[in-house]
Amino acid sequence: MHAAAASVLAAIPGSVKKEMPGADHTWETAPMAAELAAFVRAAAERG
Protein backbone atom coordinates (compact mmCIF):
# COMPACT_ATOMS: atom_id res chain seq x y z
CA MET A 1 0.00 0.00 0.00
CA HIS A 2 2.83 2.40 0.80
CA ALA A 3 4.38 1.93 -2.64
CA ALA A 4 1.04 2.62 -4.33
CA ALA A 5 0.53 5.76 -2.23
CA ALA A 6 4.02 6.96 -3.12
CA SER A 7 3.26 6.42 -6.82
CA VAL A 8 0.04 8.42 -6.59
CA LEU A 9 1.80 11.23 -4.73
CA ALA A 10 4.53 11.35 -7.36
CA ALA A 11 2.01 11.46 -10.21
CA ILE A 12 -0.32 14.18 -8.87
CA PRO A 13 1.16 17.67 -8.51
CA GLY A 14 0.32 19.28 -5.18
CA SER A 15 -0.80 16.03 -3.58
CA VAL A 16 -0.10 15.38 0.09
CA LYS A 17 0.01 12.25 2.20
CA LYS A 18 -1.91 12.16 5.46
CA GLU A 19 -2.44 9.28 7.84
CA MET A 20 -5.80 9.13 9.56
CA PRO A 21 -6.25 8.01 13.16
CA GLY A 22 -6.95 4.29 13.26
CA ALA A 23 -5.58 3.89 9.73
CA ASP A 24 -4.34 0.32 10.18
CA HIS A 25 -7.41 -1.54 8.92
CA THR A 26 -10.18 0.98 9.46
CA TRP A 27 -10.46 4.71 10.16
CA GLU A 28 -12.19 7.01 12.59
CA THR A 29 -15.18 8.79 11.06
CA ALA A 30 -14.79 12.30 12.53
CA PRO A 31 -11.22 12.96 11.31
CA MET A 32 -12.04 11.43 7.91
CA ALA A 33 -15.17 13.58 7.58
CA ALA A 34 -13.18 16.69 8.44
CA GLU A 35 -10.53 15.89 5.80
CA LEU A 36 -13.15 15.16 3.15
CA ALA A 37 -15.02 18.39 3.93
CA ALA A 38 -11.80 20.40 3.68
CA PHE A 39 -10.99 18.74 0.36
CA VAL A 40 -14.42 19.50 -1.09
CA ARG A 41 -14.30 23.13 0.12
CA ALA A 42 -10.86 23.62 -1.43
CA ALA A 43 -11.97 22.07 -4.70
CA ALA A 44 -15.09 24.28 -4.80
CA GLU A 45 -12.98 27.40 -4.19
CA ARG A 46 -10.72 26.48 -7.12
CA GLY A 47 -13.80 26.28 -9.28
PDB file of N, CA and C in Angstrom:
ATOM      1  N   MET A   1       0.814  -1.186   0.000  1.00  0.00           N
ATOM      2  CA  MET A   1       0.000   0.000   0.000  1.00  0.00           C
ATOM      3  C   MET A   1       0.862   1.256   0.000  1.00  0.00           C
ATOM      4  N   HIS A   2       1.972   1.220   0.739  1.00  0.00           N
ATOM      5  CA  HIS A   2       2.825   2.403   0.803  1.00  0.00           C
ATOM      6  C   HIS A   2       3.444   2.720  -0.548  1.00  0.00           C
ATOM      7  N   ALA A   3       3.804   1.699  -1.310  1.00  0.00           N
ATOM      8  CA  ALA A   3       4.377   1.934  -2.640  1.00  0.00           C
ATOM      9  C   ALA A   3       3.336   2.537  -3.572  1.00  0.00           C
ATOM     10  N   ALA A   4       2.101   2.073  -3.494  1.00  0.00           N
ATOM     11  CA  ALA A   4       1.040   2.623  -4.330  1.00  0.00           C
ATOM     12  C   ALA A   4       0.770   4.081  -3.953  1.00  0.00           C
ATOM     13  N   ALA A   5       0.743   4.378  -2.670  1.00  0.00           N
ATOM     14  CA  ALA A   5       0.530   5.758  -2.226  1.00  0.00           C
ATOM     15  C   ALA A   5       1.656   6.654  -2.715  1.00  0.00           C
ATOM     16  N   ALA A   6       2.877   6.181  -2.650  1.00  0.00           N
ATOM     17  CA  ALA A   6       4.020   6.958  -3.121  1.00  0.00           C
ATOM     18  C   ALA A   6       3.916   7.217  -4.621  1.00  0.00           C
ATOM     19  N   SER A   7       3.441   6.245  -5.377  1.00  0.00           N
ATOM     20  CA  SER A   7       3.265   6.423  -6.819  1.00  0.00           C
ATOM     21  C   SER A   7       2.204   7.473  -7.132  1.00  0.00           C
ATOM     22  N   VAL A   8       1.112   7.435  -6.390  1.00  0.00           N
ATOM     23  CA  VAL A   8       0.042   8.420  -6.589  1.00  0.00           C
ATOM     24  C   VAL A   8       0.552   9.811  -6.237  1.00  0.00           C
ATOM     25  N   LEU A   9       1.253   9.934  -5.118  1.00  0.00           N
ATOM     26  CA  LEU A   9       1.801  11.228  -4.726  1.00  0.00           C
ATOM     27  C   LEU A   9       2.754  11.781  -5.780  1.00  0.00           C
ATOM     28  N   ALA A  10       3.570  10.916  -6.345  1.00  0.00           N
ATOM     29  CA  ALA A  10       4.530  11.351  -7.360  1.00  0.00           C
ATOM     30  C   ALA A  10       3.836  11.782  -8.650  1.00  0.00           C
ATOM     31  N   ALA A  11       2.695  11.198  -8.946  1.00  0.00           N
ATOM     32  CA  ALA A  11       2.008  11.462 -10.208  1.00  0.00           C
ATOM     33  C   ALA A  11       1.083  12.678 -10.163  1.00  0.00           C
ATOM     34  N   ILE A  12       0.662  13.099  -8.978  1.00  0.00           N
ATOM     35  CA  ILE A  12      -0.319  14.177  -8.871  1.00  0.00           C
ATOM     36  C   ILE A  12       0.338  15.403  -8.242  1.00  0.00           C
ATOM     37  N   PRO A  13       0.537  16.450  -9.045  1.00  0.00           N
ATOM     38  CA  PRO A  13       1.156  17.668  -8.507  1.00  0.00           C
ATOM     39  C   PRO A  13       0.316  18.249  -7.359  1.00  0.00           C
ATOM     40  N   GLY A  14       0.990  18.666  -6.306  1.00  0.00           N
ATOM     41  CA  GLY A  14       0.318  19.279  -5.175  1.00  0.00           C
ATOM     42  C   GLY A  14      -0.332  18.302  -4.219  1.00  0.00           C
ATOM     43  N   SER A  15      -0.184  17.011  -4.464  1.00  0.00           N
ATOM     44  CA  SER A  15      -0.804  16.026  -3.578  1.00  0.00           C
ATOM     45  C   SER A  15      -0.032  15.952  -2.265  1.00  0.00           C
ATOM     46  N   VAL A  16      -0.720  15.538  -1.219  1.00  0.00           N
ATOM     47  CA  VAL A  16      -0.103  15.377   0.093  1.00  0.00           C
ATOM     48  C   VAL A  16      -0.521  14.035   0.682  1.00  0.00           C
ATOM     49  N   LYS A  17       0.319  13.509   1.527  1.00  0.00           N
ATOM     50  CA  LYS A  17       0.012  12.247   2.201  1.00  0.00           C
ATOM     51  C   LYS A  17      -0.363  12.559   3.641  1.00  0.00           C
ATOM     52  N   LYS A  18      -1.473  12.008   4.081  1.00  0.00           N
ATOM     53  CA  LYS A  18      -1.907  12.156   5.461  1.00  0.00           C
ATOM     54  C   LYS A  18      -2.327  10.794   5.978  1.00  0.00           C
ATOM     55  N   GLU A  19      -1.995  10.516   7.216  1.00  0.00           N
ATOM     56  CA  GLU A  19      -2.441   9.278   7.845  1.00  0.00           C
ATOM     57  C   GLU A  19      -3.551   9.613   8.820  1.00  0.00           C
ATOM     58  N   MET A  20      -4.644   8.902   8.703  1.00  0.00           N
ATOM     59  CA  MET A  20      -5.799   9.132   9.556  1.00  0.00           C
ATOM     60  C   MET A  20      -5.694   8.288  10.821  1.00  0.00           C
ATOM     61  N   PRO A  21      -6.231   8.815  11.936  1.00  0.00           N
ATOM     62  CA  PRO A  21      -6.247   8.010  13.162  1.00  0.00           C
ATOM     63  C   PRO A  21      -6.956   6.670  12.920  1.00  0.00           C
ATOM     64  N   GLY A  22      -6.370   5.616  13.429  1.00  0.00           N
ATOM     65  CA  GLY A  22      -6.946   4.286  13.257  1.00  0.00           C
ATOM     66  C   GLY A  22      -6.735   3.727  11.865  1.00  0.00           C
ATOM     67  N   ALA A  23      -5.746   4.219  11.137  1.00  0.00           N
ATOM     68  CA  ALA A  23      -5.582   3.886   9.725  1.00  0.00           C
ATOM     69  C   ALA A  23      -4.994   2.505   9.447  1.00  0.00           C
ATOM     70  N   ASP A  24      -4.897   1.644  10.430  1.00  0.00           N
ATOM     71  CA  ASP A  24      -4.339   0.319  10.175  1.00  0.00           C
ATOM     72  C   ASP A  24      -5.263  -0.507   9.279  1.00  0.00           C
ATOM     73  N   HIS A  25      -6.476  -0.747   9.714  1.00  0.00           N
ATOM     74  CA  HIS A  25      -7.407  -1.537   8.916  1.00  0.00           C
ATOM     75  C   HIS A  25      -8.767  -0.873   8.801  1.00  0.00           C
ATOM     76  N   THR A  26      -8.935   0.231   9.465  1.00  0.00           N
ATOM     77  CA  THR A  26     -10.181   0.984   9.459  1.00  0.00           C
ATOM     78  C   THR A  26      -9.806   2.436   9.724  1.00  0.00           C
ATOM     79  N   TRP A  27     -10.771   3.323   9.840  1.00  0.00           N
ATOM     80  CA  TRP A  27     -10.457   4.710  10.155  1.00  0.00           C
ATOM     81  C   TRP A  27     -11.569   5.284  11.001  1.00  0.00           C
ATOM     82  N   GLU A  28     -11.222   6.346  11.739  1.00  0.00           N
ATOM     83  CA  GLU A  28     -12.195   7.006  12.589  1.00  0.00           C
ATOM     84  C   GLU A  28     -13.005   7.988  11.750  1.00  0.00           C
ATOM     85  N   THR A  29     -14.299   8.015  11.943  1.00  0.00           N
ATOM     86  CA  THR A  29     -15.181   8.788  11.063  1.00  0.00           C
ATOM     87  C   THR A  29     -15.011  10.297  11.183  1.00  0.00           C
ATOM     88  N   ALA A  30     -14.865  10.841  12.373  1.00  0.00           N
ATOM     89  CA  ALA A  30     -14.791  12.300  12.533  1.00  0.00           C
ATOM     90  C   ALA A  30     -13.580  12.910  11.827  1.00  0.00           C
ATOM     91  N   PRO A  31     -12.357  12.391  12.021  1.00  0.00           N
ATOM     92  CA  PRO A  31     -11.220  12.965  11.306  1.00  0.00           C
ATOM     93  C   PRO A  31     -11.334  12.777   9.781  1.00  0.00           C
ATOM     94  N   MET A  32     -11.872  11.649   9.342  1.00  0.00           N
ATOM     95  CA  MET A  32     -12.035  11.427   7.907  1.00  0.00           C
ATOM     96  C   MET A  32     -13.052  12.407   7.330  1.00  0.00           C
ATOM     97  N   ALA A  33     -14.155  12.623   8.039  1.00  0.00           N
ATOM     98  CA  ALA A  33     -15.171  13.576   7.578  1.00  0.00           C
ATOM     99  C   ALA A  33     -14.594  14.981   7.488  1.00  0.00           C
ATOM    100  N   ALA A  34     -13.789  15.365   8.459  1.00  0.00           N
ATOM    101  CA  ALA A  34     -13.176  16.695   8.438  1.00  0.00           C
ATOM    102  C   ALA A  34     -12.245  16.854   7.238  1.00  0.00           C
ATOM    103  N   GLU A  35     -11.445  15.833   6.957  1.00  0.00           N
ATOM    104  CA  GLU A  35     -10.534  15.890   5.805  1.00  0.00           C
ATOM    105  C   GLU A  35     -11.307  15.952   4.492  1.00  0.00           C
ATOM    106  N   LEU A  36     -12.350  15.145   4.369  1.00  0.00           N
ATOM    107  CA  LEU A  36     -13.155  15.158   3.146  1.00  0.00           C
ATOM    108  C   LEU A  36     -13.849  16.503   2.954  1.00  0.00           C
ATOM    109  N   ALA A  37     -14.369  17.082   4.031  1.00  0.00           N
ATOM    110  CA  ALA A  37     -15.019  18.389   3.932  1.00  0.00           C
ATOM    111  C   ALA A  37     -14.023  19.459   3.505  1.00  0.00           C
ATOM    112  N   ALA A  38     -12.837  19.439   4.063  1.00  0.00           N
ATOM    113  CA  ALA A  38     -11.805  20.403   3.682  1.00  0.00           C
ATOM    114  C   ALA A  38     -11.417  20.234   2.217  1.00  0.00           C
ATOM    115  N   PHE A  39     -11.318  19.002   1.760  1.00  0.00           N
ATOM    116  CA  PHE A  39     -10.985  18.737   0.365  1.00  0.00           C
ATOM    117  C   PHE A  39     -12.057  19.287  -0.575  1.00  0.00           C
ATOM    118  N   VAL A  40     -13.320  19.032  -0.235  1.00  0.00           N
ATOM    119  CA  VAL A  40     -14.416  19.503  -1.086  1.00  0.00           C
ATOM    120  C   VAL A  40     -14.485  21.027  -1.097  1.00  0.00           C
ATOM    121  N   ARG A  41     -14.299  21.655   0.067  1.00  0.00           N
ATOM    122  CA  ARG A  41     -14.300  23.126   0.119  1.00  0.00           C
ATOM    123  C   ARG A  41     -13.188  23.700  -0.746  1.00  0.00           C
ATOM    124  N   ALA A  42     -11.997  23.129  -0.635  1.00  0.00           N
ATOM    125  CA  ALA A  42     -10.857  23.622  -1.427  1.00  0.00           C
ATOM    126  C   ALA A  42     -11.111  23.430  -2.918  1.00  0.00           C
ATOM    127  N   ALA A  43     -11.669  22.308  -3.288  1.00  0.00           N
ATOM    128  CA  ALA A  43     -11.974  22.065  -4.705  1.00  0.00           C
ATOM    129  C   ALA A  43     -13.024  23.041  -5.213  1.00  0.00           C
ATOM    130  N   ALA A  44     -14.034  23.350  -4.402  1.00  0.00           N
ATOM    131  CA  ALA A  44     -15.092  24.282  -4.800  1.00  0.00           C
ATOM    132  C   ALA A  44     -14.517  25.689  -4.957  1.00  0.00           C
ATOM    133  N   GLU A  45     -13.591  26.065  -4.104  1.00  0.00           N
ATOM    134  CA  GLU A  45     -12.976  27.399  -4.194  1.00  0.00           C
ATOM    135  C   GLU A  45     -12.133  27.545  -5.450  1.00  0.00           C
ATOM    136  N   ARG A  46     -11.529  26.440  -5.892  1.00  0.00           N
ATOM    137  CA  ARG A  46     -10.717  26.484  -7.123  1.00  0.00           C
ATOM    138  C   ARG A  46     -11.586  26.564  -8.362  1.00  0.00           C
ATOM    139  N   GLY A  47     -12.849  26.174  -8.200  1.00  0.00           N
ATOM    140  CA  GLY A  47     -13.804  26.283  -9.282  1.00  0.00           C
ATOM    141  C   GLY A  47     -13.794  25.173 -10.214  1.00  0.00           C
TER     142      GLY A  47
END
